[in-house]
Protein backbone atom coordinates (compact mmCIF):
# COMPACT_ATOMS: atom_id res chain seq x y z
CA MET A 1 22.33 -19.27 -39.53
CA PRO A 2 22.12 -19.00 -35.71
CA PHE A 3 20.11 -16.25 -34.07
CA SER A 4 20.41 -14.50 -30.73
CA VAL A 5 17.73 -12.71 -28.76
CA LYS A 6 18.40 -9.17 -27.61
CA LEU A 7 16.45 -6.53 -25.73
CA GLU A 8 16.11 -3.36 -27.77
CA LYS A 9 14.98 -0.14 -26.13
CA ARG A 10 11.87 1.41 -27.64
CA LEU A 11 12.04 5.02 -28.79
CA GLU A 12 8.87 5.63 -26.75
CA PRO A 13 7.20 3.37 -24.16
CA SER A 14 4.51 1.28 -25.82
CA GLN A 15 1.00 2.28 -24.75
CA THR A 16 -0.35 -1.02 -26.05
CA MET A 17 2.09 -3.01 -23.94
CA ALA A 18 1.34 -0.81 -20.94
CA TYR A 19 -2.21 -2.24 -20.94
CA LEU A 20 -1.39 -5.70 -22.26
CA VAL A 21 1.51 -6.54 -19.92
CA PRO A 22 -0.41 -6.25 -16.61
CA VAL A 23 -3.19 -8.51 -17.92
CA ALA A 24 -0.76 -11.07 -19.33
CA SER A 25 1.37 -10.95 -16.17
CA PHE A 26 -1.68 -11.54 -13.97
CA VAL A 27 -2.77 -14.53 -16.08
CA LEU A 28 0.74 -16.00 -15.99
CA ALA A 29 0.86 -15.54 -12.22
CA LEU A 30 -2.41 -17.45 -11.87
CA LEU A 31 -1.08 -20.23 -14.12
CA PHE A 32 2.11 -20.38 -12.06
CA GLY A 33 0.01 -20.54 -8.89
CA ALA A 34 -2.09 -23.31 -10.43
CA VAL A 35 1.04 -25.38 -11.00
CA LEU A 36 2.10 -24.91 -7.38
CA LEU A 37 -1.38 -25.84 -6.15
CA ALA A 38 -1.40 -28.96 -8.31
CA LEU A 39 1.99 -29.98 -6.94
CA ALA A 40 0.59 -29.50 -3.43
CA GLY A 41 -2.24 -31.90 -4.26
CA ALA A 42 -5.00 -29.27 -4.52
CA ASN A 43 -7.35 -28.70 -7.41
CA PRO A 44 -6.41 -25.25 -8.79
CA TRP A 45 -9.89 -24.52 -10.14
CA HIS A 46 -11.60 -25.38 -6.85
CA THR A 47 -9.00 -23.41 -4.90
CA TYR A 48 -9.36 -20.26 -6.99
CA ARG A 49 -13.15 -20.56 -6.85
CA ALA A 50 -13.05 -20.87 -3.05
CA MET A 51 -10.78 -17.83 -2.82
CA LEU A 52 -13.06 -15.81 -5.10
CA GLU A 53 -16.16 -16.74 -3.13
CA GLY A 54 -14.39 -16.09 0.16
CA ALA A 55 -13.30 -12.63 -0.96
CA PHE A 56 -16.45 -11.44 -2.75
CA GLY A 57 -19.23 -13.84 -1.76
CA THR A 58 -21.44 -16.14 -3.80
CA PRO A 59 -24.34 -15.20 -6.09
CA GLU A 60 -26.72 -16.72 -3.53
CA GLN A 61 -25.33 -14.49 -0.80
CA TRP A 62 -25.64 -11.42 -3.02
CA ARG A 63 -29.25 -12.23 -3.89
CA ALA A 64 -29.96 -12.59 -0.18
CA GLY A 65 -28.40 -9.19 0.50
CA GLN A 66 -25.42 -10.67 2.37
CA PHE A 67 -22.22 -8.80 1.54
CA TYR A 68 -20.03 -9.87 4.46
CA SER A 69 -17.24 -11.29 2.28
CA LEU A 70 -17.07 -8.19 0.09
CA THR A 71 -17.07 -5.81 3.04
CA GLU A 72 -14.27 -7.81 4.72
CA THR A 73 -12.20 -7.45 1.55
CA LEU A 74 -12.84 -3.70 1.46
CA VAL A 75 -11.92 -3.46 5.17
CA LYS A 76 -8.49 -4.95 4.41
CA ALA A 77 -8.17 -2.82 1.28
CA THR A 78 -8.75 0.45 3.18
CA PRO A 79 -5.29 0.81 4.81
CA LEU A 80 -3.65 -0.41 1.60
CA ILE A 81 -5.44 2.30 -0.40
CA LEU A 82 -4.49 5.11 1.98
CA ALA A 83 -0.90 4.00 2.54
CA GLY A 84 -0.48 3.13 -1.15
CA LEU A 85 -1.61 6.61 -2.15
CA GLY A 86 0.81 8.03 0.39
CA VAL A 87 3.89 6.25 -0.91
CA SER A 88 2.84 6.80 -4.54
CA ILE A 89 2.92 10.59 -4.29
CA ALA A 90 6.41 10.42 -2.75
CA PHE A 91 7.58 7.96 -5.41
CA ARG A 92 6.36 10.36 -8.13
CA MET A 93 9.09 12.71 -6.91
CA LEU A 94 11.61 9.86 -6.57
CA PHE A 95 11.58 10.18 -2.79
CA TRP A 96 11.73 6.52 -1.73
CA ASN A 97 9.44 6.50 1.28
CA ILE A 98 9.84 3.01 2.75
CA GLY A 99 8.45 4.21 6.07
CA ALA A 100 4.69 3.95 5.52
CA GLU A 101 4.46 1.21 8.15
CA GLY A 102 5.92 3.43 10.85
CA GLN A 103 3.90 6.43 9.69
CA LEU A 104 0.74 4.32 9.84
CA VAL A 105 1.59 3.25 13.40
CA MET A 106 2.29 6.81 14.49
CA GLY A 107 -1.02 7.91 13.02
CA GLY A 108 -2.76 5.26 15.09
CA PHE A 109 -0.80 6.36 18.15
CA ALA A 110 -1.72 10.03 17.73
CA ALA A 111 -5.40 9.22 17.14
CA GLY A 112 -5.39 6.88 20.12
CA ALA A 113 -3.86 9.56 22.34
CA VAL A 114 -6.70 11.91 21.43
CA ALA A 115 -9.38 9.28 22.07
CA LEU A 116 -7.92 8.20 25.41
CA TRP A 117 -6.76 11.44 26.99
CA LEU A 118 -8.53 14.42 25.40
CA PRO A 119 -12.16 13.72 26.46
CA PRO A 120 -11.30 13.60 30.20
CA MET A 121 -9.37 16.86 29.81
CA LEU A 122 -12.30 18.59 28.03
CA PRO A 123 -15.45 17.27 29.72
CA GLY A 124 -17.62 20.13 28.46
CA TRP A 125 -16.81 19.75 24.77
CA PRO A 126 -19.40 18.34 22.35
CA THR A 127 -18.63 14.67 21.78
CA TRP A 128 -18.93 14.96 17.99
CA THR A 129 -15.81 17.17 17.84
CA PHE A 130 -13.40 14.47 18.99
CA LEU A 131 -13.60 12.28 15.89
CA PRO A 132 -12.53 15.10 13.49
CA ILE A 133 -9.72 15.91 15.93
CA MET A 134 -8.63 12.26 15.76
CA VAL A 135 -8.56 12.43 11.95
CA VAL A 136 -6.34 15.51 12.06
CA ALA A 137 -4.16 14.03 14.81
CA GLY A 138 -3.69 10.78 12.88
CA MET A 139 -2.59 12.64 9.76
CA MET A 140 -0.29 14.89 11.79
CA GLY A 141 1.27 11.88 13.52
CA GLY A 142 2.11 10.25 10.19
CA ALA A 143 3.21 13.58 8.67
CA PHE A 144 5.57 14.24 11.57
CA TRP A 145 7.13 10.79 11.16
CA GLY A 146 7.60 11.51 7.46
CA LEU A 147 8.96 14.98 8.14
CA ILE A 148 12.06 13.65 9.91
CA PRO A 149 13.60 11.81 6.91
CA ALA A 150 12.34 14.56 4.58
CA VAL A 151 14.33 17.26 6.39
CA LEU A 152 17.38 15.01 6.56
CA LYS A 153 17.13 14.37 2.81
CA ALA A 154 16.33 17.93 1.76
CA TYR A 155 18.97 19.74 3.77
CA LEU A 156 21.60 17.15 4.72
CA LYS A 157 21.35 14.76 1.73
CA VAL A 158 20.81 11.76 4.00
CA ASN A 159 19.60 8.66 2.15
CA GLU A 160 15.85 8.45 2.75
CA ILE A 161 15.65 4.69 2.20
CA ILE A 162 17.71 4.06 5.32
CA THR A 163 16.05 6.68 7.52
CA THR A 164 12.46 5.81 6.59
CA LEU A 165 13.14 2.09 7.01
CA MET A 166 14.76 2.47 10.42
CA LEU A 167 12.03 4.81 11.69
CA ASN A 168 9.52 2.01 11.10
CA TYR A 169 10.97 -0.04 13.94
CA ILE A 170 11.22 2.92 16.29
CA ALA A 171 7.51 3.67 15.81
CA ILE A 172 6.46 0.04 16.21
CA LEU A 173 8.51 -0.46 19.38
CA TRP A 174 7.31 2.86 20.82
CA VAL A 175 3.64 1.93 20.48
CA GLN A 176 4.34 -1.57 21.81
CA TYR A 177 5.95 0.00 24.86
CA LEU A 178 2.81 2.07 25.47
CA TYR A 179 0.20 -0.67 25.28
CA TYR A 180 2.41 -3.14 27.15
CA GLY A 181 3.32 -0.53 29.77
CA PRO A 182 1.96 2.88 30.79
CA TRP A 183 -1.14 2.81 28.55
CA LYS A 184 -2.04 -0.80 29.29
CA ASP A 185 -5.66 -1.28 30.32
CA PRO A 186 -5.67 -2.16 34.05
CA GLN A 187 -8.93 -3.99 33.51
CA GLY A 188 -7.67 -5.93 30.49
CA TYR A 189 -6.98 -9.17 32.38
CA GLY A 190 -3.28 -8.91 31.59
CA PHE A 191 -3.69 -8.75 27.80
CA PRO A 192 -1.61 -6.07 26.05
CA GLY A 193 -3.68 -3.16 24.83
CA THR A 194 -5.14 0.14 25.90
CA ALA A 195 -8.60 0.71 27.28
CA LEU A 196 -11.46 0.80 24.77
CA PHE A 197 -11.97 4.18 23.12
CA PRO A 198 -15.21 6.05 23.91
CA GLU A 199 -17.92 5.05 21.47
CA TYR A 200 -18.28 8.58 20.09
CA THR A 201 -14.67 8.35 18.79
CA TRP A 202 -15.45 5.32 16.63
CA LEU A 203 -15.65 5.75 12.87
CA PRO A 204 -19.19 5.19 11.56
CA ARG A 205 -19.69 1.89 9.78
CA ILE A 206 -21.16 1.60 6.29
CA SER A 207 -21.96 -2.12 6.14
CA GLY A 208 -20.70 -4.96 8.30
CA ARG A 209 -17.25 -3.95 9.48
CA LEU A 210 -16.69 -1.58 6.56
CA HIS A 211 -16.19 1.89 7.98
CA LEU A 212 -15.81 5.48 6.83
CA GLY A 213 -12.08 5.01 6.30
CA PHE A 214 -12.83 3.44 2.91
CA VAL A 215 -14.54 6.67 1.87
CA PHE A 216 -11.45 8.58 3.05
CA GLY A 217 -9.42 6.47 0.61
CA LEU A 218 -11.71 7.26 -2.32
CA ILE A 219 -11.62 10.99 -1.53
CA ALA A 220 -7.83 10.92 -1.15
CA ALA A 221 -7.46 9.20 -4.55
CA ALA A 222 -9.59 11.86 -6.22
CA LEU A 223 -7.64 14.69 -4.60
CA ILE A 224 -4.25 13.23 -5.51
CA TRP A 225 -5.38 12.68 -9.11
CA LEU A 226 -6.61 16.26 -9.25
CA VAL A 227 -3.42 17.72 -7.74
CA LEU A 228 -0.91 15.67 -9.71
CA ASP A 229 -2.58 15.87 -13.11
CA HIS A 230 -4.37 19.23 -13.06
CA THR A 231 -2.35 21.70 -10.97
CA ARG A 232 0.93 23.53 -11.34
CA TRP A 233 2.20 22.03 -8.10
CA GLY A 234 1.50 18.55 -9.45
CA TYR A 235 3.53 19.42 -12.54
CA GLU A 236 6.41 20.54 -10.31
CA ILE A 237 6.30 17.22 -8.44
CA ARG A 238 6.40 15.24 -11.68
CA LEU A 239 9.18 17.45 -13.05
CA ILE A 240 11.35 16.87 -9.98
CA GLY A 241 10.88 13.12 -10.40
CA GLU A 242 11.64 13.14 -14.12
CA ASN A 243 14.48 15.67 -14.22
CA PRO A 244 15.65 17.34 -10.97
CA ARG A 245 18.21 19.45 -12.81
CA ALA A 246 15.57 20.90 -15.13
CA ALA A 247 13.29 21.53 -12.16
CA ARG A 248 16.03 23.42 -10.34
CA TYR A 249 16.79 25.42 -13.48
CA ALA A 250 13.09 26.33 -13.75
CA GLY A 251 13.16 27.77 -10.25
CA VAL A 252 11.36 24.91 -8.48
CA SER A 253 12.41 24.53 -4.83
CA ILE A 254 13.34 20.88 -4.54
CA ALA A 255 13.94 20.99 -0.78
CA ARG A 256 10.58 22.62 -0.06
CA ASN A 257 8.74 20.12 -2.25
CA ILE A 258 10.49 17.18 -0.62
CA VAL A 259 9.28 18.35 2.79
CA LEU A 260 5.71 19.12 1.66
CA VAL A 261 5.21 15.97 -0.39
CA THR A 262 6.65 13.69 2.28
CA CYS A 263 4.42 15.25 4.92
CA ILE A 264 1.41 14.50 2.71
CA SER A 265 2.73 11.00 2.09
CA GLY A 266 3.16 10.34 5.80
CA GLY A 267 -0.16 12.02 6.56
CA LEU A 268 -2.06 9.62 4.32
CA ALA A 269 -0.32 6.64 5.92
CA GLY A 270 -1.13 8.13 9.32
CA LEU A 271 -4.78 8.41 8.27
CA ALA A 272 -4.69 4.68 7.50
CA GLY A 273 -3.51 4.04 11.07
CA MET A 274 -6.22 6.30 12.48
CA ALA A 275 -8.89 4.50 10.42
CA ASP A 276 -7.68 1.14 11.70
CA VAL A 277 -7.78 2.01 15.41
CA ALA A 278 -10.98 4.08 15.20
CA GLY A 279 -12.80 1.84 12.74
CA ILE A 280 -11.83 -1.72 13.68
CA SER A 281 -10.02 -2.31 16.97
CA TYR A 282 -11.20 0.77 18.94
CA ARG A 283 -7.98 0.64 20.93
CA LEU A 284 -4.21 0.43 20.52
CA GLN A 285 -3.14 -3.20 20.51
CA GLN A 286 -1.23 -5.84 18.62
CA GLY A 287 -2.43 -5.98 15.02
CA LEU A 288 -1.84 -2.36 14.13
CA ALA A 289 1.56 -3.10 12.57
CA VAL A 290 0.87 -6.13 10.38
CA GLY A 291 2.69 -5.03 7.22
CA TYR A 292 0.12 -2.80 5.53
CA GLY A 293 2.76 -0.11 5.05
CA PHE A 294 5.17 -2.49 3.34
CA THR A 295 2.43 -4.02 1.18
CA ALA A 296 1.46 -0.48 0.16
CA ILE A 297 4.81 -0.22 -1.65
CA ILE A 298 3.85 -3.25 -3.73
CA VAL A 299 0.42 -1.72 -4.36
CA ALA A 300 1.92 1.55 -5.59
CA TRP A 301 4.29 -0.14 -8.01
CA LEU A 302 1.74 -2.59 -9.38
CA ALA A 303 -0.60 0.36 -9.98
CA ARG A 304 2.18 2.33 -11.70
CA LEU A 305 1.56 5.13 -9.18
CA ASN A 306 -1.89 5.78 -10.66
CA PRO A 307 -4.33 6.81 -7.87
CA TRP A 308 -7.35 5.04 -9.41
CA ALA A 309 -5.36 1.89 -10.15
CA ILE A 310 -4.16 1.87 -6.53
CA ILE A 311 -7.77 1.35 -5.42
CA LEU A 312 -8.19 -1.63 -7.75
CA VAL A 313 -4.83 -3.22 -6.86
CA SER A 314 -5.50 -2.76 -3.15
CA ILE A 315 -8.84 -4.55 -3.48
CA LEU A 316 -7.14 -7.34 -5.47
CA LEU A 317 -4.43 -7.92 -2.86
CA ALA A 318 -6.98 -7.67 -0.05
CA ALA A 319 -9.08 -10.28 -1.85
CA LEU A 320 -6.07 -12.59 -1.95
CA LEU A 321 -5.64 -12.24 1.81
CA VAL A 322 -9.32 -12.77 2.63
CA GLY A 323 -9.53 -15.61 0.10
CA GLY A 324 -6.46 -17.18 1.72
CA ASP A 325 -8.34 -17.40 5.00
CA GLN A 326 -11.25 -19.01 3.17
CA ILE A 327 -9.20 -21.80 1.58
CA GLN A 328 -7.61 -22.48 4.95
CA ILE A 329 -11.08 -23.09 6.42
CA VAL A 330 -12.74 -24.84 3.47
CA MET A 331 -9.91 -26.78 1.85
CA GLY A 332 -7.41 -27.18 4.67
CA LEU A 333 -4.67 -25.37 2.76
CA PRO A 334 -2.34 -22.99 4.61
CA ALA A 335 -3.41 -19.34 4.48
CA SER A 336 0.12 -18.52 3.30
CA THR A 337 -0.97 -19.84 -0.10
CA ALA A 338 -2.43 -16.39 -0.71
CA LEU A 339 0.92 -14.80 0.10
CA VAL A 340 2.62 -17.09 -2.44
CA LEU A 341 0.13 -15.97 -5.08
CA GLN A 342 0.68 -12.34 -4.07
CA GLY A 343 4.43 -12.80 -4.51
CA ALA A 344 3.93 -14.50 -7.89
CA ILE A 345 1.76 -11.64 -9.12
CA LEU A 346 4.39 -9.13 -8.03
CA PHE A 347 7.17 -11.14 -9.67
CA PHE A 348 5.39 -11.44 -13.02
CA MET A 349 4.14 -7.84 -12.97
CA LEU A 350 7.56 -6.36 -12.30
CA GLY A 351 9.21 -8.74 -14.73
CA GLY A 352 6.69 -7.89 -17.42
CA ASN A 353 7.19 -4.16 -17.00
CA ILE A 354 10.40 -4.38 -19.00
CA PHE A 355 8.40 -4.98 -22.19
CA THR A 356 6.78 -1.54 -22.00
CA SER A 357 10.17 0.11 -22.59
CA TYR A 358 12.01 -2.71 -24.39
CA ARG A 359 11.15 -5.24 -27.07
CA LEU A 360 12.65 -8.60 -27.96
CA ARG A 361 14.54 -8.72 -31.23
CA LEU A 362 16.02 -11.67 -33.08
CA VAL A 363 19.52 -10.84 -34.34
CA ARG A 364 21.53 -12.98 -36.71
CA SER A 365 24.80 -14.04 -35.23
CA VAL A 366 27.53 -12.97 -37.66
CA PRO A 367 30.62 -15.19 -37.42
CA SER A 368 33.81 -13.37 -36.59
CA LEU A 369 36.64 -13.07 -39.15
CA SER A 370 38.95 -15.29 -37.14
CA THR A 371 36.28 -18.02 -37.00
CA SER A 372 35.66 -17.76 -40.76
CA ALA A 373 39.38 -17.89 -41.57
CA THR A 374 40.02 -21.01 -39.53
CA GLY A 375 36.79 -22.69 -40.55
CA GLU A 376 35.84 -23.29 -36.92
């Protein structure tokens, strides 16, 4: 008797599948990538090994106290962690913040404005005060850019996907106008970019190029976990995301929470922009808007909006990017190979998520009465 396969919704999401699916999806993504590498004429094992060593270093390098590869991976993971945490807290409330890229850029702009223009205006101030001001300014810049779509959503019911997406391009073009035009370094030999920030506005470095921004990400993850899982306000945020009608009935102000949560979301993305300009480039220039804000959306979903998982996923995706540069140098493969693997991981992870809420079931196909009567 013929069978058909159907998806049957589980009464409760499977906790076992919630842990099993990400692992299985990741393994399948690597197998899929191995097939693509083999078709391209590359040895999959050698390629993955080169990517792993490029992202985390070799045992010999670790024994020699050389952690350059690892620190480079953590450098790329830092903006992903901060921006990923930012979008995750908004997503918890079902506010679809697609504007982390623009909020990151505006955070870098605000921090850069402080570094470039505030010290000459306050020559008598202690130099150590400017870096904390830059941190606050970066968060305020991102929060302000998140506040605009939040107010439109909360009080005018404007779709936040459209507004946050469009504001990305306004922010990027605004900062480009500044470092190509009025803020362009007159001593920069014609290259676009502002003057170098004063050295006392640079973020302290931990090892190699790894800077204090990574610590900001760890602290932000701990605070978000604490707020969302152990405070009344966190419960209100989760309630709005799960059942807005019940939240409204319980007296929770949805409009106020939309504004507050989105400001925090934008503020964290803005902090990522501040960390990038004050920890890596030390100026506003091309390279600030390279897609970290958009990749942060992928990070948040792969991590299931869990703050601690966001750190791990960010490091994984950063390792793919750094490892992609390594295989380009060592094996002559295009660096975009890492992006293909990143896309495969996302595809398999999102596709596998369905099995946490649904299960496959074999169903016997019962012939219809008309078919039985005619013998067909």
